């Protein structure tokens, strides 16, 4: 490798922006009375770590066009967890700060759990957050299926 290509490689690596590298299927299909796990992986710049660049990782219900309308759980940059009141039995999480992985599990699914959920990785004010959302649908739930019927009974030619 020449000096110029080595410098370019180092510069391009340093300028690489954080990104989400793996996310759940969308839509994600769950089953009533069972659990479903939503997992994400992300990467940071080579010089960054969870502890020194992330303020918090938040999981919650997503609202179009783009914000968390209800935060359900957050993980701090030191590994502390906070769960929204009354959701302690509904949600749990596992995470690996060195591998940059998070997995949120919703327990004992019911119709009220059908929603769009998102993870948001918050940085300081100089950097936009990483955000990814996924729709959770329950298997066999009629509200999950869109049916379009066209009737031609009163058409005269």
Protein backbone atom coordinates (compact mmCIF):
# COMPACT_ATOMS: atom_id res chain seq x y z
CA UNK A 1 0.00 0.00 0.00
CA UNK A 2 1.43 3.38 -0.92
CA UNK A 3 1.58 6.30 1.48
CA UNK A 4 -1.17 8.19 -0.35
CA UNK A 5 -3.58 5.23 -0.36
CA UNK A 6 -2.78 4.52 3.30
CA UNK A 7 -3.61 8.12 4.23
CA UNK A 8 -6.84 8.00 2.21
CA UNK A 9 -7.82 4.74 3.86
CA UNK A 10 -7.21 6.17 7.34
CA UNK A 11 -9.09 9.38 6.54
CA UNK A 12 -12.08 7.56 5.04
CA UNK A 13 -12.27 5.27 8.07
CA UNK A 14 -12.14 8.22 10.43
CA UNK A 15 -14.88 10.04 8.51
CA UNK A 16 -17.16 6.98 8.36
CA UNK A 17 -20.45 7.82 10.02
CA UNK A 18 -22.12 5.62 12.63
CA UNK A 19 -24.81 3.39 11.15
CA UNK A 20 -27.19 0.57 11.93
CA UNK A 21 -25.86 -2.64 10.41
CA UNK A 22 -28.56 -5.13 11.41
CA UNK A 23 -32.23 -4.77 12.31
CA UNK A 24 -35.37 -6.91 12.77
CA UNK A 25 -37.57 -8.04 9.88
CA UNK A 26 -40.12 -5.41 8.92
CA UNK A 27 -42.90 -6.15 9.54
CA UNK A 28 -42.07 -8.46 12.40
CA UNK A 29 -44.75 -11.08 13.01
CA UNK A 30 -45.38 -12.17 16.59
CA UNK A 31 -47.81 -14.60 18.17
CA UNK A 32 -50.41 -13.77 20.79
CA UNK A 33 -49.36 -14.74 24.36
CA UNK A 34 -45.73 -15.30 23.26
CA UNK A 35 -42.61 -13.14 23.39
CA UNK A 36 -40.91 -11.34 20.52
CA UNK A 37 -37.36 -9.98 20.45
CA UNK A 38 -36.32 -6.98 18.37
CA UNK A 39 -32.53 -6.88 17.85
CA UNK A 40 -30.25 -4.26 16.36
CA UNK A 41 -26.51 -3.97 15.74
CA UNK A 42 -24.73 -0.75 14.90
CA UNK A 43 -21.25 0.53 14.29
CA UNK A 44 -19.50 3.70 15.33
CA UNK A 45 -16.44 5.50 14.06
CA UNK A 46 -13.24 3.52 14.77
CA UNK A 47 -12.25 5.93 17.55
CA UNK A 48 -15.65 5.80 19.28
CA UNK A 49 -17.08 3.44 21.89
CA UNK A 50 -20.47 3.11 23.54
CA UNK A 51 -19.08 4.71 26.71
CA UNK A 52 -17.40 7.72 25.10
CA UNK A 53 -19.80 8.67 22.30
CA UNK A 54 -23.31 7.43 23.07
CA UNK A 55 -25.49 9.30 25.54
CA UNK A 56 -28.25 6.68 25.58
CA UNK A 57 -29.99 4.01 23.53
CA UNK A 58 -33.78 4.38 23.67
CA UNK A 59 -36.50 1.89 22.67
CA UNK A 60 -40.12 2.87 22.31
CA UNK A 61 -43.21 3.36 20.20
CA UNK A 62 -42.56 5.25 16.98
CA UNK A 63 -44.73 7.99 15.53
CA UNK A 64 -44.70 9.12 11.92
CA UNK A 65 -42.98 11.27 10.60
CA UNK A 66 -40.16 10.56 12.96
CA UNK A 67 -40.08 10.61 16.74
CA UNK A 68 -40.54 8.32 19.71
CA UNK A 69 -44.05 9.02 21.00
CA UNK A 70 -43.60 6.78 24.06
CA UNK A 71 -40.18 5.83 25.42
CA UNK A 72 -40.37 2.36 26.97
CA UNK A 73 -36.77 1.69 27.94
CA UNK A 74 -33.36 3.30 27.80
CA UNK A 75 -29.79 2.16 28.29
CA UNK A 76 -27.28 4.77 29.43
CA UNK A 77 -23.68 5.09 28.28
CA UNK A 78 -22.58 3.39 31.51
CA UNK A 79 -24.90 0.39 31.03
CA UNK A 80 -27.67 1.48 33.37
CA UNK A 81 -31.24 0.59 32.37
CA UNK A 82 -34.47 2.49 32.96
CA UNK A 83 -37.90 1.03 32.20
CA UNK A 84 -41.08 3.07 31.89
CA UNK A 85 -43.36 2.66 34.90
CA UNK A 86 -45.92 -0.17 34.49
CA UNK A 87 -43.79 -1.83 31.77
CA UNK A 88 -41.46 -3.75 34.09
CA UNK A 89 -43.11 -7.11 33.28
CA UNK A 90 -43.80 -6.25 29.64
CA UNK A 91 -40.29 -5.48 28.39
CA UNK A 92 -36.74 -6.62 29.01
CA UNK A 93 -33.45 -6.15 27.21
CA UNK A 94 -30.01 -7.59 26.65
CA UNK A 95 -27.12 -5.63 25.26
CA UNK A 96 -23.41 -5.87 24.62
CA UNK A 97 -21.62 -2.52 24.82
CA UNK A 98 -18.42 -3.80 23.20
CA UNK A 99 -20.21 -5.51 20.26
CA UNK A 100 -22.72 -2.64 19.88
CA UNK A 101 -25.77 -4.92 20.03
CA UNK A 102 -29.16 -4.39 21.68
CA UNK A 103 -32.15 -6.72 21.92
CA UNK A 104 -35.49 -5.69 23.40
CA UNK A 105 -38.04 -8.39 24.25
CA UNK A 106 -41.77 -7.73 24.53
CA UNK A 107 -43.42 -10.36 26.73
CA UNK A 108 -46.88 -11.99 26.57
CA UNK A 109 -47.99 -10.24 23.36
CA UNK A 110 -51.57 -9.09 22.93
CA UNK A 111 -53.46 -6.90 20.47
CA UNK A 112 -52.39 -3.69 22.23
CA UNK A 113 -48.74 -4.52 21.40
CA UNK A 114 -49.31 -4.17 17.65
CA UNK A 115 -47.47 -0.97 16.91
CA UNK A 116 -44.43 0.53 15.27
CA UNK A 117 -41.38 0.37 17.52
CA UNK A 118 -38.00 2.02 17.15
CA UNK A 119 -34.53 2.13 18.57
CA UNK A 120 -32.77 5.47 18.75
CA UNK A 121 -29.06 5.81 19.52
CA UNK A 122 -28.52 9.29 20.96
CA UNK A 123 -25.20 11.11 20.63
CA UNK A 124 -24.20 14.59 21.72
CA UNK A 125 -25.72 17.60 19.97
CA UNK A 126 -23.10 17.62 17.22
CA UNK A 127 -24.35 14.36 15.71
CA UNK A 128 -27.78 13.21 14.55
CA UNK A 129 -29.16 10.10 16.28
CA UNK A 130 -29.26 6.69 14.63
CA UNK A 131 -32.88 5.59 14.31
CA UNK A 132 -34.59 2.50 12.95
CA UNK A 133 -38.22 1.44 13.24
CA UNK A 134 -40.12 -1.80 12.73
CA UNK A 135 -43.81 -2.66 12.66
CA UNK A 136 -44.95 -5.44 14.97
CA UNK A 137 -47.98 -7.40 13.79
CA UNK A 138 -49.65 -10.35 15.48
CA UNK A 139 -50.06 -13.52 13.47
CA UNK A 140 -53.65 -14.10 12.36
CA UNK A 141 -54.86 -10.71 13.56
CA UNK A 142 -57.39 -9.31 11.09
CA UNK A 143 -56.13 -5.77 11.64
CA UNK A 144 -52.79 -6.91 10.18
CA UNK A 145 -54.32 -7.83 6.86
CA UNK A 146 -55.40 -5.26 4.30
CA UNK A 147 -58.23 -6.49 2.11
CA UNK A 148 -59.44 -4.58 -0.92
CA UNK A 149 -62.67 -5.63 -2.53
CA UNK A 150 -63.88 -4.26 -5.82
CA UNK A 151 -67.51 -4.78 -6.74
CA UNK A 152 -68.70 -4.60 -10.33
CA UNK A 153 -72.36 -5.52 -9.81
CA UNK A 154 -73.87 -2.18 -10.91
CA UNK A 155 -71.70 -1.48 -13.93
CA UNK A 156 -73.54 -0.97 -17.22
CA UNK A 157 -71.73 -1.17 -20.50
